[in-house]
Amino acid sequence: MTILHRMGAGGSFTEFYAMDFRQQFVLMGHDGPMHLAIAEGRPVLRGLGLYHGKRGSGVSVEGRVKTGPVTLLAMTQTAGGKLKLLAAEGESIAGPLLKIGNTNSRVRLALPPGEFINRWCSHAPTHHFALGAGHRRTALAKVAELMGIAFEVVD
């Protein structure tokens, strides 16, 4: 998140929710931090009768990343235990979202959803990653080079 933030891309905390095989997009988001500078419109405060599967209630922020180009960025490690950046570029697309009090974005990638997830997971990524505005692949390759760490792109 910090790397994308420093690039001016936001860097919202996210994870994969679902895949839509008909419309060819991946639904992603999280109940955690959303960078307001890359939000589409104003986020909504949603009251929840059931909060994260636990009894009780609360309020959560619901929003989406602006439609247009986006970058996914994960920090993981190689089989030898060294750090590795994992990235992909796609497009945040318009459409209905789940009203669950979380950030949600529909992201279309260069590969069909099932193939993309298989390739992404073949790199042993962490469960959570960052979603930022704009295509940042070239700049991320430079960051990895300057940091002396591996860089992989799923496309």
Protein backbone atom coordinates (compact mmCIF):
# COMPACT_ATOMS: atom_id res chain seq x y z
CA MET A 1 0.00 0.00 0.00
CA THR A 2 2.81 2.38 0.88
CA ILE A 3 4.61 1.86 -2.44
CA LEU A 4 1.47 2.65 -4.47
CA HIS A 5 0.64 5.56 -2.18
CA ARG A 6 4.11 7.09 -2.73
CA MET A 7 3.52 6.80 -6.48
CA GLY A 8 0.29 8.77 -6.19
CA ALA A 9 -1.80 5.68 -6.99
CA GLY A 10 -3.58 5.37 -3.64
CA GLY A 11 -3.12 1.81 -2.54
CA SER A 12 -6.29 0.43 -1.01
CA PHE A 13 -6.08 -2.74 1.10
CA THR A 14 -7.85 -5.51 -0.79
CA GLU A 15 -8.46 -9.21 -1.39
CA PHE A 16 -10.34 -11.25 -4.01
CA TYR A 17 -14.07 -11.76 -3.27
CA ALA A 18 -15.44 -13.50 -6.32
CA MET A 19 -15.05 -14.12 -10.05
CA ASP A 20 -17.71 -13.41 -12.65
CA PHE A 21 -17.09 -15.80 -15.55
CA ARG A 22 -19.90 -14.38 -17.71
CA GLN A 23 -18.86 -10.75 -17.60
CA GLN A 24 -15.15 -11.59 -17.16
CA PHE A 25 -14.19 -9.61 -14.06
CA VAL A 26 -12.88 -10.23 -10.57
CA LEU A 27 -14.63 -8.62 -7.60
CA MET A 28 -12.17 -7.36 -5.02
CA GLY A 29 -12.16 -5.18 -1.93
CA HIS A 30 -11.92 -5.34 1.84
CA ASP A 31 -13.33 -4.00 5.07
CA GLY A 32 -10.00 -2.29 5.71
CA PRO A 33 -8.42 0.95 4.57
CA MET A 34 -9.57 2.58 1.34
CA HIS A 35 -7.57 5.47 -0.01
CA LEU A 36 -10.15 8.25 -0.38
CA ALA A 37 -8.15 10.00 -3.12
CA ILE A 38 -8.88 7.14 -5.53
CA ALA A 39 -12.53 6.59 -4.60
CA GLU A 40 -15.28 6.80 -7.22
CA GLY A 41 -17.59 9.41 -5.74
CA ARG A 42 -18.15 9.71 -2.02
CA PRO A 43 -17.87 6.59 0.10
CA VAL A 44 -20.94 5.59 2.10
CA LEU A 45 -21.11 4.86 5.81
CA ARG A 46 -23.20 1.71 6.06
CA GLY A 47 -24.72 0.56 9.31
CA LEU A 48 -24.33 -3.17 9.77
CA GLY A 49 -26.67 -5.36 11.80
CA LEU A 50 -24.13 -8.15 11.65
CA TYR A 51 -20.55 -6.96 11.86
CA HIS A 52 -17.89 -9.31 10.42
CA GLY A 53 -19.83 -12.39 11.33
CA LYS A 54 -19.94 -11.52 15.01
CA ARG A 55 -22.89 -10.50 17.12
CA GLY A 56 -23.42 -6.80 17.50
CA SER A 57 -23.44 -3.96 15.05
CA GLY A 58 -21.24 -1.25 13.69
CA VAL A 59 -20.60 1.15 10.86
CA SER A 60 -18.33 0.46 7.93
CA VAL A 61 -17.07 2.49 4.97
CA GLU A 62 -18.30 1.32 1.58
CA GLY A 63 -16.73 2.59 -1.63
CA ARG A 64 -15.10 1.64 -4.90
CA VAL A 65 -11.89 2.50 -6.72
CA LYS A 66 -12.42 4.93 -9.62
CA THR A 67 -13.27 3.36 -12.94
CA GLY A 68 -10.26 3.22 -15.24
CA PRO A 69 -6.79 1.67 -15.18
CA VAL A 70 -5.65 0.00 -11.94
CA THR A 71 -2.65 -1.90 -10.61
CA LEU A 72 -2.63 -4.82 -8.16
CA LEU A 73 0.52 -5.08 -6.04
CA ALA A 74 1.50 -7.78 -3.55
CA MET A 75 4.66 -8.27 -1.53
CA THR A 76 5.54 -11.93 -1.16
CA GLN A 77 8.67 -14.04 -1.11
CA THR A 78 10.58 -16.41 -3.35
CA ALA A 79 11.11 -20.10 -2.56
CA GLY A 80 14.52 -19.05 -1.20
CA GLY A 81 12.92 -16.64 1.28
CA LYS A 82 13.82 -13.37 -0.52
CA LEU A 83 11.25 -10.60 -1.00
CA LYS A 84 9.36 -10.38 -4.29
CA LEU A 85 6.88 -7.86 -5.71
CA LEU A 86 3.96 -9.31 -7.66
CA ALA A 87 1.89 -7.04 -9.89
CA ALA A 88 -0.89 -7.04 -12.46
CA GLU A 89 -2.64 -4.31 -14.39
CA GLY A 90 -6.30 -4.15 -15.21
CA GLU A 91 -9.29 -1.87 -15.39
CA SER A 92 -11.82 -0.96 -12.72
CA ILE A 93 -15.19 -1.19 -14.45
CA ALA A 94 -18.65 0.18 -13.66
CA GLY A 95 -21.44 -2.05 -12.46
CA PRO A 96 -23.44 -3.03 -9.38
CA LEU A 97 -21.55 -3.94 -6.23
CA LEU A 98 -22.30 -5.83 -3.04
CA LYS A 99 -23.81 -3.61 -0.33
CA ILE A 100 -21.83 -5.14 2.50
CA GLY A 101 -20.10 -2.13 4.01
CA ASN A 102 -16.74 -2.87 2.38
CA THR A 103 -14.75 -1.41 -0.45
CA ASN A 104 -15.68 -3.21 -3.66
CA SER A 105 -14.32 -2.90 -7.18
CA ARG A 106 -15.03 -4.85 -10.35
CA VAL A 107 -11.69 -5.36 -12.07
CA ARG A 108 -11.22 -6.71 -15.56
CA LEU A 109 -7.77 -8.15 -16.20
CA ALA A 110 -5.88 -9.21 -19.34
CA LEU A 111 -6.69 -12.87 -18.65
CA PRO A 112 -10.01 -14.61 -17.97
CA PRO A 113 -10.74 -14.62 -14.21
CA GLY A 114 -10.00 -18.30 -13.55
CA GLU A 115 -6.74 -18.24 -15.49
CA PHE A 116 -5.67 -14.99 -13.83
CA ILE A 117 -6.31 -16.32 -10.31
CA ASN A 118 -4.41 -19.54 -11.09
CA ARG A 119 -1.41 -17.61 -12.40
CA TRP A 120 -1.52 -15.09 -9.54
CA CYS A 121 -1.67 -17.89 -6.95
CA SER A 122 1.20 -19.76 -8.61
CA HIS A 123 3.47 -17.01 -7.21
CA ALA A 124 2.46 -17.77 -3.60
CA PRO A 125 1.05 -14.30 -2.91
CA THR A 126 -0.14 -13.10 0.44
CA HIS A 127 -3.90 -13.14 0.99
CA HIS A 128 -4.10 -9.33 1.02
CA PHE A 129 -2.60 -6.92 -1.48
CA ALA A 130 -2.91 -3.31 -2.62
CA LEU A 131 -5.14 -1.95 -5.39
CA GLY A 132 -4.08 1.39 -6.84
CA ALA A 133 -5.25 3.77 -9.55
CA GLY A 134 -3.43 3.86 -12.89
CA HIS A 135 -1.08 1.47 -14.61
CA ARG A 136 2.17 1.41 -12.60
CA ARG A 137 4.00 -1.65 -13.97
CA THR A 138 7.00 0.25 -15.38
CA ALA A 139 7.51 2.29 -12.21
CA LEU A 140 7.14 -0.81 -10.03
CA ALA A 141 9.82 -2.61 -12.04
CA LYS A 142 12.17 0.30 -11.24
CA VAL A 143 11.24 0.18 -7.55
CA ALA A 144 12.03 -3.55 -7.43
CA GLU A 145 15.32 -2.97 -9.23
CA LEU A 146 16.33 -0.19 -6.80
CA MET A 147 15.37 -2.38 -3.84
CA GLY A 148 17.24 -5.35 -5.30
CA ILE A 149 14.23 -7.67 -5.16
CA ALA A 150 12.46 -9.89 -7.68
CA PHE A 151 9.53 -8.52 -9.67
CA GLU A 152 6.86 -10.64 -11.38
CA VAL A 153 3.91 -9.53 -13.48
CA VAL A 154 0.81 -11.61 -14.11
CA ASP A 155 -0.58 -10.76 -17.53
